[in-house]
Amino acid sequence: MPKIILAADDHRHILKVVEFCLAKTGCSVETATSGEEALAKAMRTRIDLLLIDVNLPGINGFETIRAIRQQPAYAKLPVIVLTGGGLDECNAAAARQAGASVFLTKPFSRRRLSRHVKELLAL
């Protein structure tokens, strides 16, 4: 059974790039364009990894991570945080506090994203 990745970003072109990058991993990619949609999908589908933008409409990425992580099944869910805001200490600290495993800035390297996914899912 393939691993399921939930990718949440409010820019559909980013979601298409993520789907393209991860197609070769053999994982199934579900997408969401808001924090609320990501949370709803995580509650309906058993996901193995969350890839999430910080700046989402409605519930932001950090709040979404915390809400998902409150579920016992997702307490140790691997999370990759994406941001277009740059890697500053404030964002990095907030990502770590929310439970991020990896923090990537946009534009991101497709190869690096694929490598992190494979490492986190032990593929």
C-alpha atoms as a PDB file:
ATOM      1  CA  MET A   1       0.000   0.000   0.000  1.00  0.00           C
ATOM      2  CA  PRO A   2       1.523   3.357  -0.998  1.00  0.00           C
ATOM      3  CA  LYS A   3       2.326   5.991   1.583  1.00  0.00           C
ATOM      4  CA  ILE A   4      -0.016   8.981   1.565  1.00  0.00           C
ATOM      5  CA  ILE A   5       1.350  12.511   1.643  1.00  0.00           C
ATOM      6  CA  LEU A   6      -0.942  15.451   2.321  1.00  0.00           C
ATOM      7  CA  ALA A   7       0.392  18.604   0.628  1.00  0.00           C
ATOM      8  CA  ALA A   8      -1.224  21.899   1.646  1.00  0.00           C
ATOM      9  CA  ASP A   9      -0.459  25.150  -0.172  1.00  0.00           C
ATOM     10  CA  ASP A  10      -2.691  27.967  -1.369  1.00  0.00           C
ATOM     11  CA  HIS A  11      -0.837  28.131  -4.700  1.00  0.00           C
ATOM     12  CA  ARG A  12      -2.046  25.369  -7.001  1.00  0.00           C
ATOM     13  CA  HIS A  13       1.122  25.530  -9.118  1.00  0.00           C
ATOM     14  CA  ILE A  14       3.191  24.641  -6.033  1.00  0.00           C
ATOM     15  CA  LEU A  15       0.919  21.648  -5.429  1.00  0.00           C
ATOM     16  CA  LYS A  16       1.446  20.527  -9.041  1.00  0.00           C
ATOM     17  CA  VAL A  17       5.231  20.793  -8.618  1.00  0.00           C
ATOM     18  CA  VAL A  18       5.028  18.766  -5.387  1.00  0.00           C
ATOM     19  CA  GLU A  19       2.907  16.089  -7.095  1.00  0.00           C
ATOM     20  CA  PHE A  20       5.393  15.931  -9.978  1.00  0.00           C
ATOM     21  CA  CYS A  21       8.406  15.752  -7.629  1.00  0.00           C
ATOM     22  CA  LEU A  22       6.936  12.990  -5.536  1.00  0.00           C
ATOM     23  CA  ALA A  23       5.492  10.870  -8.348  1.00  0.00           C
ATOM     24  CA  LYS A  24       8.719   8.861  -8.551  1.00  0.00           C
ATOM     25  CA  THR A  25       8.620   8.014  -4.835  1.00  0.00           C
ATOM     26  CA  GLY A  26       5.582   5.776  -5.312  1.00  0.00           C
ATOM     27  CA  CYS A  27       3.615   7.814  -2.771  1.00  0.00           C
ATOM     28  CA  SER A  28       0.077   9.007  -3.245  1.00  0.00           C
ATOM     29  CA  VAL A  29      -0.306  12.788  -2.882  1.00  0.00           C
ATOM     30  CA  GLU A  30      -3.490  14.365  -1.558  1.00  0.00           C
ATOM     31  CA  THR A  31      -3.749  18.153  -1.819  1.00  0.00           C
ATOM     32  CA  ALA A  32      -5.418  20.961   0.103  1.00  0.00           C
ATOM     33  CA  THR A  33      -5.486  24.720  -0.469  1.00  0.00           C
ATOM     34  CA  SER A  34      -6.315  25.845   3.083  1.00  0.00           C
ATOM     35  CA  GLY A  35      -5.609  24.851   6.645  1.00  0.00           C
ATOM     36  CA  GLU A  36      -9.217  23.838   7.182  1.00  0.00           C
ATOM     37  CA  GLU A  37      -9.191  21.612   4.101  1.00  0.00           C
ATOM     38  CA  ALA A  38      -5.910  20.003   5.192  1.00  0.00           C
ATOM     39  CA  LEU A  39      -7.282  19.321   8.656  1.00  0.00           C
ATOM     40  CA  ALA A  40     -10.483  17.801   7.245  1.00  0.00           C
ATOM     41  CA  LYS A  41      -8.536  15.559   4.849  1.00  0.00           C
ATOM     42  CA  ALA A  42      -6.187  14.424   7.616  1.00  0.00           C
ATOM     43  CA  MET A  43      -9.200  13.395   9.696  1.00  0.00           C
ATOM     44  CA  ARG A  44     -10.772  11.431   6.790  1.00  0.00           C
ATOM     45  CA  THR A  45      -7.651   9.787   5.349  1.00  0.00           C
ATOM     46  CA  ARG A  46      -4.763   8.172   7.188  1.00  0.00           C
ATOM     47  CA  ILE A  47      -1.762  10.219   6.047  1.00  0.00           C
ATOM     48  CA  ASP A  48       1.899   9.279   6.477  1.00  0.00           C
ATOM     49  CA  LEU A  49       3.477  12.718   5.985  1.00  0.00           C
ATOM     50  CA  LEU A  50       2.302  16.327   5.963  1.00  0.00           C
ATOM     51  CA  LEU A  51       3.891  18.872   3.632  1.00  0.00           C
ATOM     52  CA  ILE A  52       2.472  22.289   4.486  1.00  0.00           C
ATOM     53  CA  ASP A  53       2.888  25.959   3.643  1.00  0.00           C
ATOM     54  CA  VAL A  54       3.092  28.399   6.538  1.00  0.00           C
ATOM     55  CA  ASN A  55       0.866  31.075   4.990  1.00  0.00           C
ATOM     56  CA  LEU A  56      -2.452  29.387   4.330  1.00  0.00           C
ATOM     57  CA  PRO A  57      -5.802  31.155   4.251  1.00  0.00           C
ATOM     58  CA  GLY A  58      -7.888  30.639   7.366  1.00  0.00           C
ATOM     59  CA  ILE A  59      -5.975  28.422   9.757  1.00  0.00           C
ATOM     60  CA  ASN A  60      -2.263  28.975   9.073  1.00  0.00           C
ATOM     61  CA  GLY A  61       0.224  26.154   8.634  1.00  0.00           C
ATOM     62  CA  PHE A  62       1.494  26.170  12.218  1.00  0.00           C
ATOM     63  CA  GLU A  63      -2.037  26.055  13.667  1.00  0.00           C
ATOM     64  CA  THR A  64      -2.942  23.257  11.254  1.00  0.00           C
ATOM     65  CA  ILE A  65       0.080  21.211  12.316  1.00  0.00           C
ATOM     66  CA  ARG A  66      -0.811  21.631  15.986  1.00  0.00           C
ATOM     67  CA  ALA A  67      -4.454  20.652  15.349  1.00  0.00           C
ATOM     68  CA  ILE A  68      -3.454  17.529  13.413  1.00  0.00           C
ATOM     69  CA  ARG A  69      -0.819  16.581  15.995  1.00  0.00           C
ATOM     70  CA  GLN A  70      -3.467  16.643  18.742  1.00  0.00           C
ATOM     71  CA  GLN A  71      -4.837  13.433  17.254  1.00  0.00           C
ATOM     72  CA  PRO A  72      -3.114  10.454  18.920  1.00  0.00           C
ATOM     73  CA  ALA A  73      -2.551   8.726  15.553  1.00  0.00           C
ATOM     74  CA  TYR A  74      -0.615  11.773  14.341  1.00  0.00           C
ATOM     75  CA  ALA A  75       1.449  12.573  17.421  1.00  0.00           C
ATOM     76  CA  LYS A  76       4.656  11.604  15.594  1.00  0.00           C
ATOM     77  CA  LEU A  77       3.582  12.464  12.048  1.00  0.00           C
ATOM     78  CA  PRO A  78       6.551  13.658   9.959  1.00  0.00           C
ATOM     79  CA  VAL A  79       6.007  17.248   8.809  1.00  0.00           C
ATOM     80  CA  ILE A  80       7.793  19.276   6.147  1.00  0.00           C
ATOM     81  CA  VAL A  81       7.094  22.999   6.409  1.00  0.00           C
ATOM     82  CA  LEU A  82       7.344  25.189   3.298  1.00  0.00           C
ATOM     83  CA  THR A  83       7.517  28.957   3.323  1.00  0.00           C
ATOM     84  CA  GLY A  84       8.053  31.715   0.855  1.00  0.00           C
ATOM     85  CA  GLY A  85       8.950  34.028   3.721  1.00  0.00           C
ATOM     86  CA  GLY A  86      12.557  32.943   3.964  1.00  0.00           C
ATOM     87  CA  LEU A  87      14.335  31.073   6.693  1.00  0.00           C
ATOM     88  CA  ASP A  88      14.572  33.424   9.603  1.00  0.00           C
ATOM     89  CA  GLU A  89      15.005  32.424  13.217  1.00  0.00           C
ATOM     90  CA  CYS A  90      11.413  33.322  14.057  1.00  0.00           C
ATOM     91  CA  ASN A  91       9.918  31.073  11.353  1.00  0.00           C
ATOM     92  CA  ALA A  92      12.373  28.264  12.067  1.00  0.00           C
ATOM     93  CA  ALA A  93      11.623  28.395  15.795  1.00  0.00           C
ATOM     94  CA  ALA A  94       7.858  28.441  15.180  1.00  0.00           C
ATOM     95  CA  ALA A  95       8.197  25.482  12.788  1.00  0.00           C
ATOM     96  CA  ARG A  96      10.165  23.470  15.360  1.00  0.00           C
ATOM     97  CA  GLN A  97       7.701  24.384  18.100  1.00  0.00           C
ATOM     98  CA  ALA A  98       4.769  23.261  15.933  1.00  0.00           C
ATOM     99  CA  GLY A  99       6.529  19.938  15.361  1.00  0.00           C
ATOM    100  CA  ALA A 100       8.142  20.281  11.941  1.00  0.00           C
ATOM    101  CA  SER A 101      10.692  17.653  10.974  1.00  0.00           C
ATOM    102  CA  VAL A 102      12.079  19.691   8.050  1.00  0.00           C
ATOM    103  CA  PHE A 103      11.834  23.364   7.080  1.00  0.00           C
ATOM    104  CA  LEU A 104      12.198  24.322   3.392  1.00  0.00           C
ATOM    105  CA  THR A 105      12.020  27.724   1.750  1.00  0.00           C
ATOM    106  CA  LYS A 106      10.456  28.453  -1.625  1.00  0.00           C
ATOM    107  CA  PRO A 107      11.643  28.078  -4.231  1.00  0.00           C
ATOM    108  CA  PHE A 108      12.728  24.637  -3.099  1.00  0.00           C
ATOM    109  CA  SER A 109      14.906  22.056  -4.773  1.00  0.00           C
ATOM    110  CA  ARG A 110      12.849  19.171  -6.154  1.00  0.00           C
ATOM    111  CA  ARG A 111      15.702  16.797  -5.453  1.00  0.00           C
ATOM    112  CA  ARG A 112      15.999  18.012  -1.853  1.00  0.00           C
ATOM    113  CA  LEU A 113      12.237  17.679  -1.288  1.00  0.00           C
ATOM    114  CA  SER A 114      12.245  14.143  -2.676  1.00  0.00           C
ATOM    115  CA  ARG A 115      15.252  13.217  -0.532  1.00  0.00           C
ATOM    116  CA  HIS A 116      13.598  14.523   2.669  1.00  0.00           C
ATOM    117  CA  VAL A 117      10.363  12.660   1.901  1.00  0.00           C
ATOM    118  CA  LYS A 118      12.256   9.416   1.289  1.00  0.00           C
ATOM    119  CA  GLU A 119      14.241   9.842   4.515  1.00  0.00           C
ATOM    120  CA  LEU A 120      11.197  10.692   6.640  1.00  0.00           C
ATOM    121  CA  LEU A 121       9.160   7.793   5.229  1.00  0.00           C
ATOM    122  CA  ALA A 122      12.118   5.403   5.097  1.00  0.00           C
ATOM    123  CA  LEU A 123      11.523   4.684   1.399  1.00  0.00           C
END
